Amino acid sequence: KNKKIFIVIIIFSNLLLLISCKNSNNHIKSYDYFEVLKS
């Protein structure tokens, strides 16, 4: 187990979906698509 960032974007046309594990206790935040690319 390592401390790291995991990012998944899935977009069908204009629909944004998140793929994650239902049992995960991670801290989830919402970010602008372009802001993420800038990181």
PDB file of all heavy atoms in Angstrom:
ATOM      1  N   LYS A   1       0.837  -1.195   0.000  1.00  0.00           N
ATOM      2  CA  LYS A   1       0.000   0.000   0.000  1.00  0.00           C
ATOM      3  C   LYS A   1       0.868   1.239   0.000  1.00  0.00           C
ATOM      4  O   LYS A   1       1.772   1.399   0.792  1.00  0.00           O
ATOM      5  CB  LYS A   1      -0.890  -0.014   1.241  1.00  0.00           C
ATOM      6  CG  LYS A   1      -1.979   1.049   1.209  1.00  0.00           C
ATOM      7  CD  LYS A   1      -2.936   0.810   2.343  1.00  0.00           C
ATOM      8  CE  LYS A   1      -4.086   1.798   2.325  1.00  0.00           C
ATOM      9  NZ  LYS A   1      -5.052   1.551   3.385  1.00  0.00           N
ATOM     10  N   ASN A   2       0.604   2.140  -0.948  1.00  0.00           N
ATOM     11  CA  ASN A   2       1.375   3.370  -1.068  1.00  0.00           C
ATOM     12  C   ASN A   2       0.448   4.558  -1.054  1.00  0.00           C
ATOM     13  O   ASN A   2      -0.695   4.481  -1.478  1.00  0.00           O
ATOM     14  CB  ASN A   2       2.154   3.387  -2.388  1.00  0.00           C
ATOM     15  CG  ASN A   2       3.206   2.317  -2.429  1.00  0.00           C
ATOM     16  OD1 ASN A   2       4.246   2.446  -1.813  1.00  0.00           O
ATOM     17  ND2 ASN A   2       2.932   1.234  -3.144  1.00  0.00           N
ATOM     18  N   LYS A   3       0.967   5.687  -0.603  1.00  0.00           N
ATOM     19  CA  LYS A   3       0.207   6.934  -0.664  1.00  0.00           C
ATOM     20  C   LYS A   3       0.379   7.534  -2.039  1.00  0.00           C
ATOM     21  O   LYS A   3       1.470   7.874  -2.447  1.00  0.00           O
ATOM     22  CB  LYS A   3       0.708   7.914   0.391  1.00  0.00           C
ATOM     23  CG  LYS A   3      -0.069   9.238   0.395  1.00  0.00           C
ATOM     24  CD  LYS A   3       0.469  10.162   1.443  1.00  0.00           C
ATOM     25  CE  LYS A   3      -0.282  11.486   1.433  1.00  0.00           C
ATOM     26  NZ  LYS A   3       0.248  12.431   2.421  1.00  0.00           N
ATOM     27  N   LYS A   4      -0.709   7.628  -2.787  1.00  0.00           N
ATOM     28  CA  LYS A   4      -0.632   8.188  -4.116  1.00  0.00           C
ATOM     29  C   LYS A   4      -2.002   8.648  -4.563  1.00  0.00           C
ATOM     30  O   LYS A   4      -2.987   8.438  -3.895  1.00  0.00           O
ATOM     31  CB  LYS A   4      -0.076   7.183  -5.111  1.00  0.00           C
ATOM     32  CG  LYS A   4      -0.771   5.832  -5.086  1.00  0.00           C
ATOM     33  CD  LYS A   4      -0.032   4.892  -5.989  1.00  0.00           C
ATOM     34  CE  LYS A   4      -0.415   3.449  -5.739  1.00  0.00           C
ATOM     35  NZ  LYS A   4       0.011   2.967  -4.451  1.00  0.00           N
ATOM     36  N   ILE A   5      -2.036   9.291  -5.716  1.00  0.00           N
ATOM     37  CA  ILE A   5      -3.284   9.793  -6.266  1.00  0.00           C
ATOM     38  C   ILE A   5      -3.727   8.886  -7.376  1.00  0.00           C
ATOM     39  O   ILE A   5      -2.928   8.468  -8.190  1.00  0.00           O
ATOM     40  CB  ILE A   5      -3.113  11.220  -6.809  1.00  0.00           C
ATOM     41  CG1 ILE A   5      -2.620  12.138  -5.686  1.00  0.00           C
ATOM     42  CG2 ILE A   5      -4.411  11.757  -7.384  1.00  0.00           C
ATOM     43  CD1 ILE A   5      -2.271  13.520  -6.158  1.00  0.00           C
ATOM     44  N   PHE A   6      -5.026   8.603  -7.419  1.00  0.00           N
ATOM     45  CA  PHE A   6      -5.576   7.790  -8.495  1.00  0.00           C
ATOM     46  C   PHE A   6      -6.673   8.578  -9.164  1.00  0.00           C
ATOM     47  O   PHE A   6      -7.559   9.098  -8.501  1.00  0.00           O
ATOM     48  CB  PHE A   6      -6.140   6.494  -7.925  1.00  0.00           C
ATOM     49  CG  PHE A   6      -6.834   5.647  -8.942  1.00  0.00           C
ATOM     50  CD1 PHE A   6      -6.102   4.951  -9.883  1.00  0.00           C
ATOM     51  CD2 PHE A   6      -8.211   5.561  -8.971  1.00  0.00           C
ATOM     52  CE1 PHE A   6      -6.733   4.182 -10.818  1.00  0.00           C
ATOM     53  CE2 PHE A   6      -8.851   4.790  -9.906  1.00  0.00           C
ATOM     54  CZ  PHE A   6      -8.114   4.097 -10.830  1.00  0.00           C
ATOM     55  N   ILE A   7      -6.618   8.724 -10.483  1.00  0.00           N
ATOM     56  CA  ILE A   7      -7.568   9.550 -11.204  1.00  0.00           C
ATOM     57  C   ILE A   7      -8.175   8.765 -12.345  1.00  0.00           C
ATOM     58  O   ILE A   7      -7.472   8.139 -13.107  1.00  0.00           O
ATOM     59  CB  ILE A   7      -6.886  10.798 -11.793  1.00  0.00           C
ATOM     60  CG1 ILE A   7      -6.159  11.573 -10.690  1.00  0.00           C
ATOM     61  CG2 ILE A   7      -7.878  11.685 -12.508  1.00  0.00           C
ATOM     62  CD1 ILE A   7      -5.307  12.689 -11.212  1.00  0.00           C
ATOM     63  N   VAL A   8      -9.499   8.808 -12.456  1.00  0.00           N
ATOM     64  CA  VAL A   8     -10.156   8.223 -13.616  1.00  0.00           C
ATOM     65  C   VAL A   8     -11.218   9.174 -14.116  1.00  0.00           C
ATOM     66  O   VAL A   8     -12.061   9.628 -13.360  1.00  0.00           O
ATOM     67  CB  VAL A   8     -10.837   6.877 -13.271  1.00  0.00           C
ATOM     68  CG1 VAL A   8     -11.565   6.345 -14.494  1.00  0.00           C
ATOM     69  CG2 VAL A   8      -9.827   5.866 -12.798  1.00  0.00           C
ATOM     70  N   ILE A   9     -11.174   9.511 -15.403  1.00  0.00           N
ATOM     71  CA  ILE A   9     -12.249  10.275 -16.019  1.00  0.00           C
ATOM     72  C   ILE A   9     -12.878   9.411 -17.087  1.00  0.00           C
ATOM     73  O   ILE A   9     -12.182   8.827 -17.883  1.00  0.00           O
ATOM     74  CB  ILE A   9     -11.743  11.539 -16.728  1.00  0.00           C
ATOM     75  CG1 ILE A   9     -10.950  12.412 -15.786  1.00  0.00           C
ATOM     76  CG2 ILE A   9     -12.880  12.323 -17.340  1.00  0.00           C
ATOM     77  CD1 ILE A   9     -10.372  13.607 -16.457  1.00  0.00           C
ATOM     78  N   ILE A  10     -14.202   9.346 -17.107  1.00  0.00           N
ATOM     79  CA  ILE A  10     -14.891   8.673 -18.185  1.00  0.00           C
ATOM     80  C   ILE A  10     -15.979   9.594 -18.685  1.00  0.00           C
ATOM     81  O   ILE A  10     -16.853   9.997 -17.929  1.00  0.00           O
ATOM     82  CB  ILE A  10     -15.512   7.356 -17.722  1.00  0.00           C
ATOM     83  CG1 ILE A  10     -14.436   6.463 -17.129  1.00  0.00           C
ATOM     84  CG2 ILE A  10     -16.180   6.660 -18.886  1.00  0.00           C
ATOM     85  CD1 ILE A  10     -14.968   5.219 -16.534  1.00  0.00           C
ATOM     86  N   ILE A  11     -15.934   9.936 -19.945  1.00  0.00           N
ATOM     87  CA  ILE A  11     -16.929  10.839 -20.501  1.00  0.00           C
ATOM     88  C   ILE A  11     -17.532  10.237 -21.765  1.00  0.00           C
ATOM     89  O   ILE A  11     -16.812   9.904 -22.696  1.00  0.00           O
ATOM     90  CB  ILE A  11     -16.328  12.215 -20.842  1.00  0.00           C
ATOM     91  CG1 ILE A  11     -15.799  12.888 -19.577  1.00  0.00           C
ATOM     92  CG2 ILE A  11     -17.350  13.111 -21.517  1.00  0.00           C
ATOM     93  CD1 ILE A  11     -15.187  14.240 -19.811  1.00  0.00           C
ATOM     94  N   PHE A  12     -18.848  10.045 -21.780  1.00  0.00           N
ATOM     95  CA  PHE A  12     -19.563   9.702 -22.993  1.00  0.00           C
ATOM     96  C   PHE A  12     -20.264  10.972 -23.439  1.00  0.00           C
ATOM     97  O   PHE A  12     -21.201  11.418 -22.793  1.00  0.00           O
ATOM     98  CB  PHE A  12     -20.601   8.605 -22.732  1.00  0.00           C
ATOM     99  CG  PHE A  12     -19.988   7.257 -22.497  1.00  0.00           C
ATOM    100  CD1 PHE A  12     -19.807   6.772 -21.212  1.00  0.00           C
ATOM    101  CD2 PHE A  12     -19.583   6.476 -23.566  1.00  0.00           C
ATOM    102  CE1 PHE A  12     -19.250   5.525 -21.004  1.00  0.00           C
ATOM    103  CE2 PHE A  12     -19.016   5.223 -23.358  1.00  0.00           C
ATOM    104  CZ  PHE A  12     -18.852   4.743 -22.075  1.00  0.00           C
ATOM    105  N   SER A  13     -19.806  11.550 -24.550  1.00  0.00           N
ATOM    106  CA  SER A  13     -20.322  12.837 -25.007  1.00  0.00           C
ATOM    107  C   SER A  13     -20.166  13.839 -23.872  1.00  0.00           C
ATOM    108  O   SER A  13     -19.060  14.154 -23.487  1.00  0.00           O
ATOM    109  CB  SER A  13     -21.775  12.705 -25.456  1.00  0.00           C
ATOM    110  OG  SER A  13     -21.848  11.842 -26.576  1.00  0.00           O
ATOM    111  N   ASN A  14     -21.279  14.311 -23.262  1.00  0.00           N
ATOM    112  CA  ASN A  14     -21.192  15.290 -22.177  1.00  0.00           C
ATOM    113  C   ASN A  14     -21.489  14.685 -20.811  1.00  0.00           C
ATOM    114  O   ASN A  14     -21.673  15.401 -19.841  1.00  0.00           O
ATOM    115  CB  ASN A  14     -22.175  16.443 -22.435  1.00  0.00           C
ATOM    116  CG  ASN A  14     -21.784  17.224 -23.668  1.00  0.00           C
ATOM    117  OD1 ASN A  14     -20.611  17.457 -23.896  1.00  0.00           O
ATOM    118  ND2 ASN A  14     -22.757  17.618 -24.462  1.00  0.00           N
ATOM    119  N   LEU A  15     -21.547  13.349 -20.730  1.00  0.00           N
ATOM    120  CA  LEU A  15     -21.889  12.691 -19.474  1.00  0.00           C
ATOM    121  C   LEU A  15     -20.621  12.241 -18.768  1.00  0.00           C
ATOM    122  O   LEU A  15     -19.785  11.549 -19.333  1.00  0.00           O
ATOM    123  CB  LEU A  15     -22.777  11.471 -19.729  1.00  0.00           C
ATOM    124  CG  LEU A  15     -23.153  10.637 -18.502  1.00  0.00           C
ATOM    125  CD1 LEU A  15     -23.969  11.477 -17.528  1.00  0.00           C
ATOM    126  CD2 LEU A  15     -23.931   9.407 -18.922  1.00  0.00           C
ATOM    127  N   LEU A  16     -20.460  12.664 -17.535  1.00  0.00           N
ATOM    128  CA  LEU A  16     -19.278  12.323 -16.760  1.00  0.00           C
ATOM    129  C   LEU A  16     -19.617  11.241 -15.750  1.00  0.00           C
ATOM    130  O   LEU A  16     -20.576  11.356 -15.001  1.00  0.00           O
ATOM    131  CB  LEU A  16     -18.765  13.561 -16.012  1.00  0.00           C
ATOM    132  CG  LEU A  16     -17.503  13.342 -15.180  1.00  0.00           C
ATOM    133  CD1 LEU A  16     -16.309  13.153 -16.094  1.00  0.00           C
ATOM    134  CD2 LEU A  16     -17.267  14.523 -14.267  1.00  0.00           C
ATOM    135  N   LEU A  17     -18.828  10.179 -15.733  1.00  0.00           N
ATOM    136  CA  LEU A  17     -19.038   9.084 -14.794  1.00  0.00           C
ATOM    137  C   LEU A  17     -17.762   8.841 -14.012  1.00  0.00           C
ATOM    138  O   LEU A  17     -16.673   9.087 -14.502  1.00  0.00           O
ATOM    139  CB  LEU A  17     -19.421   7.787 -15.534  1.00  0.00           C
ATOM    140  CG  LEU A  17     -20.655   7.859 -16.424  1.00  0.00           C
ATOM    141  CD1 LEU A  17     -20.791   6.541 -17.181  1.00  0.00           C
ATOM    142  CD2 LEU A  17     -21.899   8.111 -15.599  1.00  0.00           C
ATOM    143  N   LEU A  18     -17.897   8.313 -12.816  1.00  0.00           N
ATOM    144  CA  LEU A  18     -16.743   7.986 -11.983  1.00  0.00           C
ATOM    145  C   LEU A  18     -16.679   6.486 -11.811  1.00  0.00           C
ATOM    146  O   LEU A  18     -17.663   5.844 -11.483  1.00  0.00           O
ATOM    147  CB  LEU A  18     -16.860   8.645 -10.612  1.00  0.00           C
ATOM    148  CG  LEU A  18     -15.861   8.154  -9.553  1.00  0.00           C
ATOM    149  CD1 LEU A  18     -14.462   8.631  -9.910  1.00  0.00           C
ATOM    150  CD2 LEU A  18     -16.248   8.631  -8.175  1.00  0.00           C
ATOM    151  N   ILE A  19     -15.522   5.907 -12.016  1.00  0.00           N
ATOM    152  CA  ILE A  19     -15.298   4.506 -11.719  1.00  0.00           C
ATOM    153  C   ILE A  19     -14.502   4.439 -10.425  1.00  0.00           C
ATOM    154  O   ILE A  19     -13.394   4.939 -10.334  1.00  0.00           O
ATOM    155  CB  ILE A  19     -14.502   3.820 -12.832  1.00  0.00           C
ATOM    156  CG1 ILE A  19     -15.331   3.789 -14.119  1.00  0.00           C
ATOM    157  CG2 ILE A  19     -14.104   2.413 -12.452  1.00  0.00           C
ATOM    158  CD1 ILE A  19     -16.590   2.971 -14.006  1.00  0.00           C
ATOM    159  N   SER A  20     -15.065   3.811  -9.412  1.00  0.00           N
ATOM    160  CA  SER A  20     -14.353   3.684  -8.147  1.00  0.00           C
ATOM    161  C   SER A  20     -14.870   2.449  -7.436  1.00  0.00           C
ATOM    162  O   SER A  20     -15.811   1.810  -7.876  1.00  0.00           O
ATOM    163  CB  SER A  20     -14.581   4.921  -7.271  1.00  0.00           C
ATOM    164  OG  SER A  20     -15.938   5.043  -6.941  1.00  0.00           O
ATOM    165  N   CYS A  21     -14.268   2.120  -6.338  1.00  0.00           N
ATOM    166  CA  CYS A  21     -14.690   0.966  -5.567  1.00  0.00           C
ATOM    167  C   CYS A  21     -15.706   1.393  -4.514  1.00  0.00           C
ATOM    168  O   CYS A  21     -15.477   2.336  -3.773  1.00  0.00           O
ATOM    169  CB  CYS A  21     -13.478   0.313  -4.897  1.00  0.00           C
ATOM    170  SG  CYS A  21     -13.889  -1.104  -3.871  1.00  0.00           S
ATOM    171  N   LYS A  22     -16.820   0.682  -4.418  1.00  0.00           N
ATOM    172  CA  LYS A  22     -17.858   1.058  -3.476  1.00  0.00           C
ATOM    173  C   LYS A  22     -17.396   0.955  -2.033  1.00  0.00           C
ATOM    174  O   LYS A  22     -17.920   1.622  -1.143  1.00  0.00           O
ATOM    175  CB  LYS A  22     -19.091   0.169  -3.689  1.00  0.00           C
ATOM    176  CG  LYS A  22     -19.796   0.404  -5.013  1.00  0.00           C
ATOM    177  CD  LYS A  22     -21.003  -0.489  -5.129  1.00  0.00           C
ATOM    178  CE  LYS A  22     -21.732  -0.256  -6.444  1.00  0.00           C
ATOM    179  NZ  LYS A  22     -22.901  -1.139  -6.588  1.00  0.00           N
ATOM    180  N   ASN A  23     -16.412   0.104  -1.796  1.00  0.00           N
ATOM    181  CA  ASN A  23     -15.948  -0.102  -0.425  1.00  0.00           C
ATOM    182  C   ASN A  23     -14.796   0.819  -0.053  1.00  0.00           C
ATOM    183  O   ASN A  23     -14.247   0.738   1.027  1.00  0.00           O
ATOM    184  CB  ASN A  23     -15.492  -1.559  -0.254  1.00  0.00           C
ATOM    185  CG  ASN A  23     -16.644  -2.518  -0.420  1.00  0.00           C
ATOM    186  OD1 ASN A  23     -17.753  -2.238   0.004  1.00  0.00           O
ATOM    187  ND2 ASN A  23     -16.390  -3.661  -1.052  1.00  0.00           N
ATOM    188  N   SER A  24     -14.430   1.710  -0.961  1.00  0.00           N
ATOM    189  CA  SER A  24     -13.300   2.586  -0.701  1.00  0.00           C
ATOM    190  C   SER A  24     -13.671   3.677   0.294  1.00  0.00           C
ATOM    191  O   SER A  24     -14.757   4.225   0.273  1.00  0.00           O
ATOM    192  CB  SER A  24     -12.831   3.226  -2.006  1.00  0.00           C
ATOM    193  OG  SER A  24     -11.796   4.131  -1.744  1.00  0.00           O
ATOM    194  N   ASN A  25     -12.740   4.007   1.167  1.00  0.00           N
ATOM    195  CA  ASN A  25     -12.948   5.070   2.154  1.00  0.00           C
ATOM    196  C   ASN A  25     -12.140   6.310   1.800  1.00  0.00           C
ATOM    197  O   ASN A  25     -11.856   7.132   2.652  1.00  0.00           O
ATOM    198  CB  ASN A  25     -12.521   4.566   3.545  1.00  0.00           C
ATOM    199  CG  ASN A  25     -13.437   3.473   4.049  1.00  0.00           C
ATOM    200  OD1 ASN A  25     -14.648   3.553   3.893  1.00  0.00           O
ATOM    201  ND2 ASN A  25     -12.853   2.449   4.644  1.00  0.00           N
ATOM    202  N   ASN A  26     -11.776   6.430   0.537  1.00  0.00           N
ATOM    203  CA  ASN A  26     -10.935   7.551   0.134  1.00  0.00           C
ATOM    204  C   ASN A  26     -11.700   8.858   0.162  1.00  0.00           C
ATOM    205  O   ASN A  26     -12.913   8.910   0.052  1.00  0.00           O
ATOM    206  CB  ASN A  26     -10.396   7.314  -1.278  1.00  0.00           C
ATOM    207  CG  ASN A  26      -9.506   6.103  -1.316  1.00  0.00           C
ATOM    208  OD1 ASN A  26      -8.453   6.109  -0.713  1.00  0.00           O
ATOM    209  ND2 ASN A  26      -9.944   5.075  -1.989  1.00  0.00           N
ATOM    210  N   HIS A  27     -10.928   9.926   0.262  1.00  0.00           N
ATOM    211  CA  HIS A  27     -11.495  11.259   0.222  1.00  0.00           C
ATOM    212  C   HIS A  27     -11.723  11.633  -1.232  1.00  0.00           C
ATOM    213  O   HIS A  27     -10.786  11.680  -2.015  1.00  0.00           O
ATOM    214  CB  HIS A  27     -10.517  12.237   0.877  1.00  0.00           C
ATOM    215  CG  HIS A  27     -11.087  13.607   1.043  1.00  0.00           C
ATOM    216  ND1 HIS A  27     -10.303  14.720   1.171  1.00  0.00           N
ATOM    217  CD2 HIS A  27     -12.365  14.045   1.095  1.00  0.00           C
ATOM    218  CE1 HIS A  27     -11.069  15.794   1.298  1.00  0.00           C
ATOM    219  NE2 HIS A  27     -12.317  15.401   1.246  1.00  0.00           N
ATOM    220  N   ILE A  28     -12.961  11.904  -1.614  1.00  0.00           N
ATOM    221  CA  ILE A  28     -13.301  12.187  -2.992  1.00  0.00           C
ATOM    222  C   ILE A  28     -13.671  13.653  -3.149  1.00  0.00           C
ATOM    223  O   ILE A  28     -14.488  14.178  -2.413  1.00  0.00           O
ATOM    224  CB  ILE A  28     -14.479  11.307  -3.468  1.00  0.00           C
ATOM    225  CG1 ILE A  28     -14.114   9.824  -3.311  1.00  0.00           C
ATOM    226  CG2 ILE A  28     -14.837  11.612  -4.907  1.00  0.00           C
ATOM    227  CD1 ILE A  28     -15.241   8.895  -3.666  1.00  0.00           C
ATOM    228  N   LYS A  29     -13.063  14.308  -4.110  1.00  0.00           N
ATOM    229  CA  LYS A  29     -13.355  15.703  -4.396  1.00  0.00           C
ATOM    230  C   LYS A  29     -13.677  15.853  -5.876  1.00  0.00           C
ATOM    231  O   LYS A  29     -13.278  15.028  -6.690  1.00  0.00           O
ATOM    232  CB  LYS A  29     -12.150  16.586  -4.047  1.00  0.00           C
ATOM    233  CG  LYS A  29     -11.740  16.544  -2.585  1.00  0.00           C
ATOM    234  CD  LYS A  29     -10.504  17.395  -2.354  1.00  0.00           C
ATOM    235  CE  LYS A  29     -10.047  17.342  -0.910  1.00  0.00           C
ATOM    236  NZ  LYS A  29      -8.833  18.151  -0.681  1.00  0.00           N
ATOM    237  N   SER A  30     -14.377  16.915  -6.202  1.00  0.00           N
ATOM    238  CA  SER A  30     -14.696  17.194  -7.589  1.00  0.00           C
ATOM    239  C   SER A  30     -13.791  18.299  -8.105  1.00  0.00           C
ATOM    240  O   SER A  30     -13.586  19.309  -7.432  1.00  0.00           O
ATOM    241  CB  SER A  30     -16.159  17.625  -7.740  1.00  0.00           C
ATOM    242  OG  SER A  30     -16.452  17.918  -9.084  1.00  0.00           O
ATOM    243  N   TYR A  31     -13.225  18.077  -9.299  1.00  0.00           N
ATOM    244  CA  TYR A  31     -12.313  19.043  -9.885  1.00  0.00           C
ATOM    245  C   TYR A  31     -12.701  19.322 -11.325  1.00  0.00           C
ATOM    246  O   TYR A  31     -13.221  18.457 -12.026  1.00  0.00           O
ATOM    247  CB  TYR A  31     -10.868  18.521  -9.855  1.00  0.00           C
ATOM    248  CG  TYR A  31     -10.249  18.512  -8.485  1.00  0.00           C
ATOM    249  CD1 TYR A  31     -10.362  17.397  -7.664  1.00  0.00           C
ATOM    250  CD2 TYR A  31      -9.557  19.619  -8.008  1.00  0.00           C
ATOM    251  CE1 TYR A  31      -9.790  17.385  -6.402  1.00  0.00           C
ATOM    252  CE2 TYR A  31      -8.986  19.610  -6.756  1.00  0.00           C
ATOM    253  CZ  TYR A  31      -9.104  18.499  -5.957  1.00  0.00           C
ATOM    254  OH  TYR A  31      -8.549  18.489  -4.720  1.00  0.00           O
ATOM    255  N   ASP A  32     -12.400  20.508 -11.777  1.00  0.00           N
ATOM    256  CA  ASP A  32     -12.613  20.852 -13.161  1.00  0.00           C
ATOM    257  C   ASP A  32     -11.641  20.067 -14.045  1.00  0.00           C
ATOM    258  O   ASP A  32     -10.467  19.899 -13.709  1.00  0.00           O
ATOM    259  CB  ASP A  32     -12.389  22.359 -13.338  1.00  0.00           C
ATOM    260  CG  ASP A  32     -12.561  22.796 -14.775  1.00  0.00           C
ATOM    261  OD1 ASP A  32     -13.716  22.961 -15.188  1.00  0.00           O
ATOM    262  OD2 ASP A  32     -11.538  22.969 -15.459  1.00  0.00           O
ATOM    263  N   TYR A  33     -12.140  19.597 -15.166  1.00  0.00           N
ATOM    264  CA  TYR A  33     -11.356  18.793 -16.103  1.00  0.00           C
ATOM    265  C   TYR A  33     -10.048  19.491 -16.476  1.00  0.00           C
ATOM    266  O   TYR A  33      -8.971  18.893 -16.445  1.00  0.00           O
ATOM    267  CB  TYR A  33     -12.210  18.541 -17.350  1.00  0.00           C
ATOM    268  CG  TYR A  33     -11.497  17.902 -18.520  1.00  0.00           C
ATOM    269  CD1 TYR A  33     -11.080  16.574 -18.469  1.00  0.00           C
ATOM    270  CD2 TYR A  33     -11.258  18.624 -19.692  1.00  0.00           C
ATOM    271  CE1 TYR A  33     -10.446  15.984 -19.543  1.00  0.00           C
ATOM    272  CE2 TYR A  33     -10.627  18.035 -20.774  1.00  0.00           C
ATOM    273  CZ  TYR A  33     -10.228  16.716 -20.700  1.00  0.00           C
ATOM    274  OH  TYR A  33      -9.601  16.137 -21.769  1.00  0.00           O
ATOM    275  N   PHE A  34     -10.132  20.768 -16.807  1.00  0.00           N
ATOM    276  CA  PHE A  34      -8.948  21.483 -17.234  1.00  0.00           C
ATOM    277  C   PHE A  34      -7.976  21.737 -16.091  1.00  0.00           C
ATOM    278  O   PHE A  34      -6.762  21.780 -16.281  1.00  0.00           O
ATOM    279  CB  PHE A  34      -9.347  22.802 -17.905  1.00  0.00           C
ATOM    280  CG  PHE A  34     -10.167  22.594 -19.147  1.00  0.00           C
ATOM    281  CD1 PHE A  34     -11.537  22.777 -19.135  1.00  0.00           C
ATOM    282  CD2 PHE A  34      -9.565  22.167 -20.316  1.00  0.00           C
ATOM    283  CE1 PHE A  34     -12.293  22.561 -20.270  1.00  0.00           C
ATOM    284  CE2 PHE A  34     -10.312  21.943 -21.459  1.00  0.00           C
ATOM    285  CZ  PHE A  34     -11.683  22.149 -21.440  1.00  0.00           C
ATOM    286  N   GLU A  35      -8.510  21.910 -14.886  1.00  0.00           N
ATOM    287  CA  GLU A  35      -7.642  22.086 -13.723  1.00  0.00           C
ATOM    288  C   GLU A  35      -6.844  20.818 -13.462  1.00  0.00           C
ATOM    289  O   GLU A  35      -5.671  20.876 -13.084  1.00  0.00           O
ATOM    290  CB  GLU A  35      -8.476  22.464 -12.493  1.00  0.00           C
ATOM    291  CG  GLU A  35      -9.054  23.861 -12.541  1.00  0.00           C
ATOM    292  CD  GLU A  35      -7.981  24.935 -12.688  1.00  0.00           C
ATOM    293  OE1 GLU A  35      -6.961  24.853 -11.978  1.00  0.00           O
ATOM    294  OE2 GLU A  35      -8.159  25.848 -13.519  1.00  0.00           O
ATOM    295  N   VAL A  36      -7.470  19.672 -13.657  1.00  0.00           N
ATOM    296  CA  VAL A  36      -6.759  18.408 -13.472  1.00  0.00           C
ATOM    297  C   VAL A  36      -5.639  18.274 -14.497  1.00  0.00           C
ATOM    298  O   VAL A  36      -4.514  17.891 -14.175  1.00  0.00           O
ATOM    299  CB  VAL A  36      -7.734  17.218 -13.580  1.00  0.00           C
ATOM    300  CG1 VAL A  36      -6.963  15.897 -13.604  1.00  0.00           C
ATOM    301  CG2 VAL A  36      -8.691  17.226 -12.405  1.00  0.00           C
ATOM    302  N   LEU A  37      -5.923  18.599 -15.754  1.00  0.00           N
ATOM    303  CA  LEU A  37      -4.885  18.522 -16.779  1.00  0.00           C
ATOM    304  C   LEU A  37      -3.702  19.428 -16.434  1.00  0.00           C
ATOM    305  O   LEU A  37      -2.547  19.077 -16.671  1.00  0.00           O
ATOM    306  CB  LEU A  37      -5.460  18.908 -18.143  1.00  0.00           C
ATOM    307  CG  LEU A  37      -6.485  17.954 -18.757  1.00  0.00           C
ATOM    308  CD1 LEU A  37      -6.869  18.424 -20.153  1.00  0.00           C
ATOM    309  CD2 LEU A  37      -5.963  16.527 -18.802  1.00  0.00           C
ATOM    310  N   LYS A  38      -3.989  20.594 -15.840  1.00  0.00           N
ATOM    311  CA  LYS A  38      -2.921  21.535 -15.480  1.00  0.00           C
ATOM    312  C   LYS A  38      -2.029  20.989 -14.372  1.00  0.00           C
ATOM    313  O   LYS A  38      -0.900  21.456 -14.191  1.00  0.00           O
ATOM    314  CB  LYS A  38      -3.527  22.863 -15.028  1.00  0.00           C
ATOM    315  CG  LYS A  38      -4.150  23.681 -16.155  1.00  0.00           C
ATOM    316  CD  LYS A  38      -4.765  24.961 -15.600  1.00  0.00           C
ATOM    317  CE  LYS A  38      -5.448  25.762 -16.691  1.00  0.00           C
ATOM    318  NZ  LYS A  38      -6.101  26.991 -16.148  1.00  0.00           N
ATOM    319  N   SER A  39      -2.525  20.016 -13.614  1.00  0.00           N
ATOM    320  CA  SER A  39      -1.743  19.472 -12.506  1.00  0.00           C
ATOM    321  C   SER A  39      -0.658  18.507 -12.993  1.00  0.00           C
ATOM    322  O   SER A  39       0.196  18.088 -12.216  1.00  0.00           O
ATOM    323  CB  SER A  39      -2.659  18.762 -11.507  1.00  0.00           C
ATOM    324  OG  SER A  39      -3.230  17.598 -12.069  1.00  0.00           O
TER     325      SER A  39
END
